[in-house]
Structure formats: structure tokens, C-alpha cells
Amino acid sequence: MNEYIRILILEDRESDAELVWETLMEAEIPFTAQWTANEKEYLMELERFNPDLILSDYDLPQYNGALALAEAKKRFPHIPFILVTGALKDDEERINHILAQGANACVLKDRLDQLLPTIYKTLMIDIGT
């Protein structure tokens, strides 16, 4: 694959964004990523960055992953959206609701080892394993 996959990350905590970034660095695909920490940055980068994939936290100050998903689906319904959260660890009902609203997957932050396989599956990337 010669083209970079553009990944937009919505995460308010820098330390969690770094963990996601470190996980992405293990990917067997070329990518570039843009980190946003709030609604204003997210909406701006959604338009400017033209992502191929969105990774979003759920619980953000004055914003949340459900709202981010709704905005992404309204503007760009074709862009895959993966919720990466720790806030919904024990809230299967809310996770299922967000999946029903159009999120492609949910990865819990304490299971980031599942992020890359989820990305590969979501983007239908065969890494030859």
C-alpha cells in the first residue's frame, strides 16, 4: 500500500492520545494521524484533514463520542468510526446503542491490543497474517 491512511483522533487526555499513537506505530500500514482534544478542533479537522478513519474517546469535557459520531455521520457517512474508550467499560447497553448509531467498533482502553486488529478489519486491510 503506497498511500497513507489518515486517522483523526479525538481524545482529551494527552497521555491517552500518546497510548493510542504508540499502538498505531506498531501498525503494518502507513498512516498519518491528527490529534484533536475538543469539539472545536475535531470539527475543524474533520473538514480540513479529510480522514479515512476516526478514533474517538467517549467521555470528553462538554462533548462525547456519541455527538462526535453523529457529526461525522452527518458530514461524511462513509468514514469509519471506532470508539476508543475506558468510560464505557461496564456499560454494554450504551456501547450497543453507539454501535447501532453507526460506529463500526468499540475498543476499550484497557484492551488497546485489540485496536490494530479492529482497524484492519474495519478498513478491510489484509496484512498477510
C-alpha atoms as a PDB file:
ATOM      1  CA  MET A   1       0.000   0.000   0.000  1.00  0.00           C
ATOM      2  CA  ASN A   2       1.569   3.266  -1.092  1.00  0.00           C
ATOM      3  CA  GLU A   3      -0.959   5.728   0.260  1.00  0.00           C
ATOM      4  CA  TYR A   4      -1.053   6.790   3.883  1.00  0.00           C
ATOM      5  CA  ILE A   5      -4.231   6.189   5.842  1.00  0.00           C
ATOM      6  CA  ARG A   6      -5.331   9.432   7.504  1.00  0.00           C
ATOM      7  CA  ILE A   7      -6.501   8.851  11.080  1.00  0.00           C
ATOM      8  CA  LEU A   8      -8.285  11.542  13.089  1.00  0.00           C
ATOM      9  CA  ILE A   9      -8.025  11.006  16.857  1.00  0.00           C
ATOM     10  CA  LEU A  10     -10.430  12.711  19.264  1.00  0.00           C
ATOM     11  CA  GLU A  11      -9.037  12.353  22.784  1.00  0.00           C
ATOM     12  CA  ASP A  12      -8.911  14.999  25.514  1.00  0.00           C
ATOM     13  CA  ARG A  13      -6.177  13.363  27.600  1.00  0.00           C
ATOM     14  CA  GLU A  14      -2.695  13.734  26.167  1.00  0.00           C
ATOM     15  CA  SER A  15      -1.474  10.564  27.920  1.00  0.00           C
ATOM     16  CA  ASP A  16      -4.288   8.500  26.365  1.00  0.00           C
ATOM     17  CA  ALA A  17      -3.649  10.057  22.950  1.00  0.00           C
ATOM     18  CA  GLU A  18       0.004   9.038  23.307  1.00  0.00           C
ATOM     19  CA  LEU A  19      -1.020   5.447  24.122  1.00  0.00           C
ATOM     20  CA  VAL A  20      -3.203   5.332  21.015  1.00  0.00           C
ATOM     21  CA  TRP A  21      -0.367   6.837  18.971  1.00  0.00           C
ATOM     22  CA  GLU A  22       2.121   4.264  20.301  1.00  0.00           C
ATOM     23  CA  THR A  23      -0.293   1.490  19.396  1.00  0.00           C
ATOM     24  CA  LEU A  24      -0.701   2.913  15.898  1.00  0.00           C
ATOM     25  CA  MET A  25       3.087   2.996  15.500  1.00  0.00           C
ATOM     26  CA  GLU A  26       3.002  -0.804  15.632  1.00  0.00           C
ATOM     27  CA  ALA A  27       0.725  -0.897  12.582  1.00  0.00           C
ATOM     28  CA  GLU A  28       1.760  -2.710   9.462  1.00  0.00           C
ATOM     29  CA  ILE A  29       0.215   0.035   7.368  1.00  0.00           C
ATOM     30  CA  PRO A  30       1.461   3.522   6.516  1.00  0.00           C
ATOM     31  CA  PHE A  31      -0.567   6.198   8.248  1.00  0.00           C
ATOM     32  CA  THR A  32      -0.617   9.785   9.316  1.00  0.00           C
ATOM     33  CA  ALA A  33      -2.652  10.951  12.289  1.00  0.00           C
ATOM     34  CA  GLN A  34      -4.057  14.195  13.620  1.00  0.00           C
ATOM     35  CA  TRP A  35      -4.901  14.545  17.307  1.00  0.00           C
ATOM     36  CA  THR A  36      -7.773  16.745  18.457  1.00  0.00           C
ATOM     37  CA  ALA A  37      -8.714  17.319  22.078  1.00  0.00           C
ATOM     38  CA  ASN A  38     -12.102  19.045  21.907  1.00  0.00           C
ATOM     39  CA  GLU A  39     -15.207  19.624  19.804  1.00  0.00           C
ATOM     40  CA  LYS A  40     -13.930  22.753  18.061  1.00  0.00           C
ATOM     41  CA  GLU A  41     -10.655  21.124  16.949  1.00  0.00           C
ATOM     42  CA  TYR A  42     -12.450  17.918  15.957  1.00  0.00           C
ATOM     43  CA  LEU A  43     -14.983  19.677  13.732  1.00  0.00           C
ATOM     44  CA  MET A  44     -12.265  21.777  12.103  1.00  0.00           C
ATOM     45  CA  GLU A  45     -10.009  18.777  11.408  1.00  0.00           C
ATOM     46  CA  LEU A  46     -12.913  16.658  10.223  1.00  0.00           C
ATOM     47  CA  GLU A  47     -13.176  19.082   7.294  1.00  0.00           C
ATOM     48  CA  ARG A  48      -9.505  20.028   6.861  1.00  0.00           C
ATOM     49  CA  PHE A  49      -7.739  16.704   7.463  1.00  0.00           C
ATOM     50  CA  ASN A  50     -10.140  14.610   5.377  1.00  0.00           C
ATOM     51  CA  PRO A  51      -9.672  11.439   7.468  1.00  0.00           C
ATOM     52  CA  ASP A  52     -10.027   7.864   6.288  1.00  0.00           C
ATOM     53  CA  LEU A  53     -10.746   6.727   9.859  1.00  0.00           C
ATOM     54  CA  ILE A  54     -11.860   8.342  13.116  1.00  0.00           C
ATOM     55  CA  LEU A  55     -10.805   7.092  16.554  1.00  0.00           C
ATOM     56  CA  SER A  56     -12.807   8.792  19.292  1.00  0.00           C
ATOM     57  CA  ASP A  57     -12.886   8.742  23.045  1.00  0.00           C
ATOM     58  CA  TYR A  58     -16.364   8.738  24.561  1.00  0.00           C
ATOM     59  CA  ASP A  59     -16.118  10.960  27.618  1.00  0.00           C
ATOM     60  CA  LEU A  60     -14.800  14.452  26.846  1.00  0.00           C
ATOM     61  CA  PRO A  61     -15.415  17.767  28.612  1.00  0.00           C
ATOM     62  CA  GLN A  62     -18.558  19.328  27.105  1.00  0.00           C
ATOM     63  CA  TYR A  63     -18.632  16.758  24.281  1.00  0.00           C
ATOM     64  CA  ASN A  64     -18.797  12.990  23.837  1.00  0.00           C
ATOM     65  CA  GLY A  65     -18.216  10.212  21.375  1.00  0.00           C
ATOM     66  CA  ALA A  66     -21.912   9.878  20.530  1.00  0.00           C
ATOM     67  CA  LEU A  67     -22.040  13.527  19.438  1.00  0.00           C
ATOM     68  CA  ALA A  68     -18.762  13.144  17.527  1.00  0.00           C
ATOM     69  CA  LEU A  69     -20.185  10.085  15.758  1.00  0.00           C
ATOM     70  CA  ALA A  70     -23.409  11.896  14.853  1.00  0.00           C
ATOM     71  CA  GLU A  71     -21.461  14.819  13.406  1.00  0.00           C
ATOM     72  CA  ALA A  72     -19.150  12.553  11.421  1.00  0.00           C
ATOM     73  CA  LYS A  73     -22.054  10.520  10.024  1.00  0.00           C
ATOM     74  CA  LYS A  74     -23.931  13.695   9.091  1.00  0.00           C
ATOM     75  CA  ARG A  75     -20.968  15.193   7.215  1.00  0.00           C
ATOM     76  CA  PHE A  76     -19.115  12.108   5.975  1.00  0.00           C
ATOM     77  CA  PRO A  77     -21.198   8.933   6.407  1.00  0.00           C
ATOM     78  CA  HIS A  78     -18.585   6.803   4.637  1.00  0.00           C
ATOM     79  CA  ILE A  79     -15.766   7.446   7.154  1.00  0.00           C
ATOM     80  CA  PRO A  80     -15.361   4.529   9.587  1.00  0.00           C
ATOM     81  CA  PHE A  81     -15.646   5.480  13.262  1.00  0.00           C
ATOM     82  CA  ILE A  82     -14.117   3.452  16.095  1.00  0.00           C
ATOM     83  CA  LEU A  83     -14.880   4.355  19.680  1.00  0.00           C
ATOM     84  CA  VAL A  84     -11.792   4.009  21.910  1.00  0.00           C
ATOM     85  CA  THR A  85     -12.966   4.385  25.479  1.00  0.00           C
ATOM     86  CA  GLY A  86     -12.491   3.483  29.083  1.00  0.00           C
ATOM     87  CA  ALA A  87     -15.599   5.291  30.280  1.00  0.00           C
ATOM     88  CA  LEU A  88     -17.997   2.658  28.949  1.00  0.00           C
ATOM     89  CA  LYS A  89     -16.118  -0.377  30.218  1.00  0.00           C
ATOM     90  CA  ASP A  90     -19.108  -1.655  32.185  1.00  0.00           C
ATOM     91  CA  ASP A  91     -21.849  -0.066  30.068  1.00  0.00           C
ATOM     92  CA  GLU A  92     -22.618  -2.628  27.371  1.00  0.00           C
ATOM     93  CA  GLU A  93     -26.037  -1.056  26.746  1.00  0.00           C
ATOM     94  CA  ARG A  94     -24.518   2.314  25.822  1.00  0.00           C
ATOM     95  CA  ILE A  95     -21.828   0.661  23.692  1.00  0.00           C
ATOM     96  CA  ASN A  96     -24.520  -1.249  21.794  1.00  0.00           C
ATOM     97  CA  HIS A  97     -26.502   1.971  21.344  1.00  0.00           C
ATOM     98  CA  ILE A  98     -23.478   3.746  19.828  1.00  0.00           C
ATOM     99  CA  LEU A  99     -22.803   0.783  17.546  1.00  0.00           C
ATOM    100  CA  ALA A 100     -26.445   0.908  16.453  1.00  0.00           C
ATOM    101  CA  GLN A 101     -25.985   4.621  15.678  1.00  0.00           C
ATOM    102  CA  GLY A 102     -23.264   3.766  13.172  1.00  0.00           C
ATOM    103  CA  ALA A 103     -19.966   3.292  14.993  1.00  0.00           C
ATOM    104  CA  ASN A 104     -18.005   0.500  13.347  1.00  0.00           C
ATOM    105  CA  ALA A 105     -16.494  -0.838  16.555  1.00  0.00           C
ATOM    106  CA  CYS A 106     -15.619  -0.126  20.156  1.00  0.00           C
ATOM    107  CA  VAL A 107     -12.219  -0.817  21.703  1.00  0.00           C
ATOM    108  CA  LEU A 108     -11.739  -0.449  25.438  1.00  0.00           C
ATOM    109  CA  LYS A 109      -8.641   1.455  26.522  1.00  0.00           C
ATOM    110  CA  ASP A 110      -7.536  -1.396  28.745  1.00  0.00           C
ATOM    111  CA  ARG A 111      -7.607  -3.618  25.622  1.00  0.00           C
ATOM    112  CA  LEU A 112      -5.620  -1.466  23.196  1.00  0.00           C
ATOM    113  CA  ASP A 113      -4.034  -4.673  21.915  1.00  0.00           C
ATOM    114  CA  GLN A 114      -7.331  -5.036  20.029  1.00  0.00           C
ATOM    115  CA  LEU A 115      -7.060  -1.640  18.311  1.00  0.00           C
ATOM    116  CA  LEU A 116      -4.929  -2.632  15.325  1.00  0.00           C
ATOM    117  CA  PRO A 117      -6.878  -5.814  14.503  1.00  0.00           C
ATOM    118  CA  THR A 118     -10.068  -3.746  14.755  1.00  0.00           C
ATOM    119  CA  ILE A 119      -8.649  -1.109  12.408  1.00  0.00           C
ATOM    120  CA  TYR A 120      -7.521  -3.754   9.917  1.00  0.00           C
ATOM    121  CA  LYS A 121     -10.951  -5.392   9.992  1.00  0.00           C
ATOM    122  CA  THR A 122     -12.802  -2.070   9.750  1.00  0.00           C
ATOM    123  CA  LEU A 123     -10.735  -0.888   6.798  1.00  0.00           C
ATOM    124  CA  MET A 124     -10.683  -4.400   5.291  1.00  0.00           C
ATOM    125  CA  ILE A 125      -6.904  -4.488   5.220  1.00  0.00           C
ATOM    126  CA  ASP A 126      -5.257  -7.849   4.704  1.00  0.00           C
ATOM    127  CA  ILE A 127      -1.881  -7.735   6.443  1.00  0.00           C
ATOM    128  CA  GLY A 128      -0.951 -11.211   5.319  1.00  0.00           C
ATOM    129  CA  THR A 129      -1.154 -12.926   8.692  1.00  0.00           C
END
